[in-house]
Amino acid sequence: MVDNTPAKGWVMSEPGGPFQATDVVTPGSPLPGRRMIFAACDATVCLLHYERGGIAHVYEVLAFKSGSNGWSVVWNARGPKPLANLAALKAMVKHTASAGGWTNEWVPGNF
């Protein structure tokens, strides 16, 4: 569940793929409102970095933790530009004072 929405309800474009970057909807097949930048997982934690379109084009990082009821969001950050890779995400988390506009968000949120 993410923001009380089953994971199967989420639609996300592949990295570099088309997505609805603005709030202007064009005719034709609807595009996903999110596009993945990168993801990283181990047995207990998954990190998902993506961009979300709409009125405000933003970049998000979600941290999911595996538990007895499946995966749940335990941390969310929002920023003004994409992070290049997992190493950049680790550096941002380690040095929050110089995070370049990235902020922690309340969970659950509008992901």
C-alpha atoms as a PDB file:
ATOM      1  CA  MET A   1       0.000   0.000   0.000  1.00  0.00           C
ATOM      2  CA  VAL A   2       1.214   3.475  -0.869  1.00  0.00           C
ATOM      3  CA  ASP A   3      -0.944   6.359   0.283  1.00  0.00           C
ATOM      4  CA  ASN A   4      -3.776   3.860   0.883  1.00  0.00           C
ATOM      5  CA  THR A   5      -3.570   2.714  -2.753  1.00  0.00           C
ATOM      6  CA  PRO A   6      -2.750  -0.926  -3.524  1.00  0.00           C
ATOM      7  CA  ALA A   7       0.542  -1.191  -5.386  1.00  0.00           C
ATOM      8  CA  LYS A   8      -1.291  -2.639  -8.376  1.00  0.00           C
ATOM      9  CA  GLY A   9      -3.119   0.725  -8.614  1.00  0.00           C
ATOM     10  CA  TRP A  10       0.132   2.573  -9.273  1.00  0.00           C
ATOM     11  CA  VAL A  11       1.211   3.180 -12.855  1.00  0.00           C
ATOM     12  CA  MET A  12       4.762   4.326 -13.522  1.00  0.00           C
ATOM     13  CA  SER A  13       6.726   4.804 -16.723  1.00  0.00           C
ATOM     14  CA  GLU A  14      10.113   3.151 -17.189  1.00  0.00           C
ATOM     15  CA  PRO A  15      13.238   5.355 -16.863  1.00  0.00           C
ATOM     16  CA  GLY A  16      13.355   7.726 -19.824  1.00  0.00           C
ATOM     17  CA  GLY A  17       9.843   6.694 -20.941  1.00  0.00           C
ATOM     18  CA  PRO A  18       6.899   8.986 -21.636  1.00  0.00           C
ATOM     19  CA  PHE A  19       4.814  10.260 -18.706  1.00  0.00           C
ATOM     20  CA  GLN A  20       2.415  13.093 -17.890  1.00  0.00           C
ATOM     21  CA  ALA A  21       4.995  15.731 -16.899  1.00  0.00           C
ATOM     22  CA  THR A  22       2.544  18.648 -16.674  1.00  0.00           C
ATOM     23  CA  ASP A  23      -1.105  19.214 -15.829  1.00  0.00           C
ATOM     24  CA  VAL A  24      -1.939  19.688 -19.540  1.00  0.00           C
ATOM     25  CA  VAL A  25      -3.554  16.467 -20.752  1.00  0.00           C
ATOM     26  CA  THR A  26      -3.266  15.747 -24.464  1.00  0.00           C
ATOM     27  CA  PRO A  27      -5.691  13.596 -26.472  1.00  0.00           C
ATOM     28  CA  GLY A  28      -4.923   9.905 -26.816  1.00  0.00           C
ATOM     29  CA  SER A  29      -3.992   7.192 -24.405  1.00  0.00           C
ATOM     30  CA  PRO A  30      -3.427   8.511 -20.886  1.00  0.00           C
ATOM     31  CA  LEU A  31       0.199   8.556 -19.769  1.00  0.00           C
ATOM     32  CA  PRO A  32       1.357   7.561 -16.279  1.00  0.00           C
ATOM     33  CA  GLY A  33       1.782  10.456 -13.854  1.00  0.00           C
ATOM     34  CA  ARG A  34       5.093   9.072 -12.579  1.00  0.00           C
ATOM     35  CA  ARG A  35       8.379   8.009 -14.174  1.00  0.00           C
ATOM     36  CA  MET A  36      11.023   5.895 -12.437  1.00  0.00           C
ATOM     37  CA  ILE A  37      14.551   7.256 -12.174  1.00  0.00           C
ATOM     38  CA  PHE A  38      16.096   4.323 -10.286  1.00  0.00           C
ATOM     39  CA  ALA A  39      15.331   1.726  -7.627  1.00  0.00           C
ATOM     40  CA  ALA A  40      17.427  -0.356  -5.244  1.00  0.00           C
ATOM     41  CA  CYS A  41      16.358  -3.243  -3.012  1.00  0.00           C
ATOM     42  CA  ASP A  42      17.625  -5.835  -0.604  1.00  0.00           C
ATOM     43  CA  ALA A  43      15.656  -8.425   1.378  1.00  0.00           C
ATOM     44  CA  THR A  44      14.137  -5.894   3.796  1.00  0.00           C
ATOM     45  CA  VAL A  45      14.308  -2.403   2.255  1.00  0.00           C
ATOM     46  CA  CYS A  46      13.502  -0.962  -1.175  1.00  0.00           C
ATOM     47  CA  LEU A  47      14.243   2.561  -2.356  1.00  0.00           C
ATOM     48  CA  LEU A  48      12.327   4.056  -5.265  1.00  0.00           C
ATOM     49  CA  HIS A  49      13.371   7.353  -6.883  1.00  0.00           C
ATOM     50  CA  TYR A  50      10.939   8.796  -9.401  1.00  0.00           C
ATOM     51  CA  GLU A  51       9.555  12.010 -10.812  1.00  0.00           C
ATOM     52  CA  ARG A  52       5.920  12.997 -10.576  1.00  0.00           C
ATOM     53  CA  GLY A  53       4.217  15.285 -13.046  1.00  0.00           C
ATOM     54  CA  GLY A  54       1.217  17.527 -12.666  1.00  0.00           C
ATOM     55  CA  ILE A  55       0.838  21.141 -11.613  1.00  0.00           C
ATOM     56  CA  ALA A  56       4.147  20.873  -9.738  1.00  0.00           C
ATOM     57  CA  HIS A  57       6.775  18.620 -11.318  1.00  0.00           C
ATOM     58  CA  VAL A  58       8.647  17.110  -8.344  1.00  0.00           C
ATOM     59  CA  TYR A  59      11.122  14.355  -7.573  1.00  0.00           C
ATOM     60  CA  GLU A  60      10.412  11.800  -4.844  1.00  0.00           C
ATOM     61  CA  VAL A  61      12.266   9.080  -2.971  1.00  0.00           C
ATOM     62  CA  LEU A  62      10.281   6.449  -1.108  1.00  0.00           C
ATOM     63  CA  ALA A  63      11.767   3.899   1.269  1.00  0.00           C
ATOM     64  CA  PHE A  64       9.711   0.724   1.726  1.00  0.00           C
ATOM     65  CA  LYS A  65      10.287  -1.802   4.470  1.00  0.00           C
ATOM     66  CA  SER A  66       9.176  -5.407   4.388  1.00  0.00           C
ATOM     67  CA  GLY A  67       7.026  -6.541   7.295  1.00  0.00           C
ATOM     68  CA  SER A  68       4.507  -9.200   8.235  1.00  0.00           C
ATOM     69  CA  ASN A  69       1.796  -7.381   6.240  1.00  0.00           C
ATOM     70  CA  GLY A  70       3.956  -6.838   3.153  1.00  0.00           C
ATOM     71  CA  TRP A  71       5.801  -3.683   2.104  1.00  0.00           C
ATOM     72  CA  SER A  72       4.998  -0.283   3.619  1.00  0.00           C
ATOM     73  CA  VAL A  73       6.436   3.207   3.171  1.00  0.00           C
ATOM     74  CA  VAL A  74       8.672   4.235   6.074  1.00  0.00           C
ATOM     75  CA  TRP A  75      10.341   7.362   4.642  1.00  0.00           C
ATOM     76  CA  ASN A  76       9.669   9.893   1.907  1.00  0.00           C
ATOM     77  CA  ALA A  77      11.760  12.794   0.609  1.00  0.00           C
ATOM     78  CA  ARG A  78      10.932  15.373  -2.046  1.00  0.00           C
ATOM     79  CA  GLY A  79      13.353  17.509  -4.027  1.00  0.00           C
ATOM     80  CA  PRO A  80      13.747  19.969  -6.889  1.00  0.00           C
ATOM     81  CA  LYS A  81      15.952  17.850  -9.169  1.00  0.00           C
ATOM     82  CA  PRO A  82      16.708  14.185  -9.798  1.00  0.00           C
ATOM     83  CA  LEU A  83      19.459  12.349  -7.974  1.00  0.00           C
ATOM     84  CA  ALA A  84      21.980  10.787 -10.359  1.00  0.00           C
ATOM     85  CA  ASN A  85      22.249   7.384  -8.679  1.00  0.00           C
ATOM     86  CA  LEU A  86      22.192   5.457  -5.401  1.00  0.00           C
ATOM     87  CA  ALA A  87      25.520   6.980  -4.304  1.00  0.00           C
ATOM     88  CA  ALA A  88      24.029  10.487  -4.692  1.00  0.00           C
ATOM     89  CA  LEU A  89      21.012   9.421  -2.611  1.00  0.00           C
ATOM     90  CA  LYS A  90      23.283   8.054   0.122  1.00  0.00           C
ATOM     91  CA  ALA A  91      25.276  11.312   0.147  1.00  0.00           C
ATOM     92  CA  MET A  92      22.075  13.383   0.363  1.00  0.00           C
ATOM     93  CA  VAL A  93      20.815  11.351   3.333  1.00  0.00           C
ATOM     94  CA  LYS A  94      24.194  11.474   5.093  1.00  0.00           C
ATOM     95  CA  HIS A  95      24.629  15.237   4.617  1.00  0.00           C
ATOM     96  CA  THR A  96      21.113  16.598   5.041  1.00  0.00           C
ATOM     97  CA  ALA A  97      22.384  20.129   5.783  1.00  0.00           C
ATOM     98  CA  SER A  98      23.602  20.369   2.173  1.00  0.00           C
ATOM     99  CA  ALA A  99      20.794  18.346   0.584  1.00  0.00           C
ATOM    100  CA  GLY A 100      20.180  20.841  -2.235  1.00  0.00           C
ATOM    101  CA  GLY A 101      16.523  21.533  -1.495  1.00  0.00           C
ATOM    102  CA  TRP A 102      15.515  17.966  -0.612  1.00  0.00           C
ATOM    103  CA  THR A 103      13.136  17.739   2.351  1.00  0.00           C
ATOM    104  CA  ASN A 104      11.704  14.920   4.421  1.00  0.00           C
ATOM    105  CA  GLU A 105       7.970  14.504   3.980  1.00  0.00           C
ATOM    106  CA  TRP A 106       5.317  13.082   6.262  1.00  0.00           C
ATOM    107  CA  VAL A 107       4.316   9.479   5.623  1.00  0.00           C
ATOM    108  CA  PRO A 108       1.728   8.699   4.353  1.00  0.00           C
ATOM    109  CA  GLY A 109       1.670  11.491   1.818  1.00  0.00           C
ATOM    110  CA  ASN A 110       0.643  12.327  -1.695  1.00  0.00           C
ATOM    111  CA  PHE A 111       3.130  10.120  -3.496  1.00  0.00           C
END
